[in-house]
Amino acid sequence: MKDHQLKAWLRLADTGSIRAAARSLHLSQAAVTKAIRELEAEVDAQLVLRSSRGIEFTECGRQLTVRARLAHQQLELARQDIRILQGSQHGRVAVAVTPMVFLGVLPEVVRAFRKAMPHAQLKLFDGLIPQVLPLLREGMIDFAVAGPVAAALDADFAFERLDMIEMAVLCRRGHPLSRATRWEEIAGAEWLMHLAPGSQHTFLLEQYAEQGLPLPEHRIEVASFGVSWGLLTRSDALMVGPAGMLAMSPYADLVERVPLAMPVPPLELGIVSPRGKPLSLAALRLAELFRKYLAQPT
């Protein structure tokens, strides 16, 4: 596969038409069509279906798009690394961080990264595991600093543990169950949960089921910190979250810890990255800063 073929293909995937792809590449439609046909001959498969209504991607074409995008991104990272080795400080890094990170060490990490690479482009995503894994698969982010259940990650991802985060059952201040000490007292309440595979809340339910404890039946599935926080502070819903929030303003002013006598499993916080795909030099530098500010002696 040649570079011009992949560029034409990816632009076709982005725009959805030969005409639009040709216009954005400043090429003729015939040139783009030729590149696509050459690519089909190279992989010995039909990649698009052509009709009077336009084009439609075959399953082979959709699979090629995923791999071609990753390959193109890796080549761009290689060019970026070479420029950095030659003295340039212009790099690009995209990272997803879990709420406990952006509420805690993120400002210090960003300041240190800016000092080391003042001209680098930094893109940050607010990411819980349900959003993070697709971004990693598609190459939209370099790595994530998140809290998955490491044993539940599939073989596509590597996990490097940096810290163990204490977790607690949280409620709004003045909640009628704010003095509960037994799980049975709170199991029947409304709960906010992130129930994607590998999430902390999924792991928690599995553990409590094994212990024979009653599981919450009234659950609201949430996938963002903003939604979770809004409901936690303005309703009677409960949530398992980082106990460290109780030491941060303004969070400590709005929520409190339900004083359960039983322990809540801690959260493993660490770096999640695509297995077998080396990070760029800029991403490696940022990852090292997260290790510096998050890693704790075990």
Foldseek 3Di string as FASTA:
>chain_A
DDPVLLLLLLLCVVPVALVRSCVVVVHDSVVSVVSPVVVCVVVVHDQWDQDPVGIDGDPVVVVCNLVSQVVVVLVVLVVQQVVVVVPALEEEFEEEEEPVCVLPCVVVLVVVLCVVRVNYHYHYHHFAPVPQVVCQSSVVGAKYWYFFQQVQDDPQKDWDFADWFFKFKKAWPPQPQQADAAPVVPQAAEEEDACDTRHLRVVQQVVCVVVVHRHRPHYDYDTGPVVVVVCRQPHNYMYIDGPCLCVDPPSVVTMDGRNYPDGRGITGTTMMHGPPRDGRPSVVSSRVSCSVVRHDDD
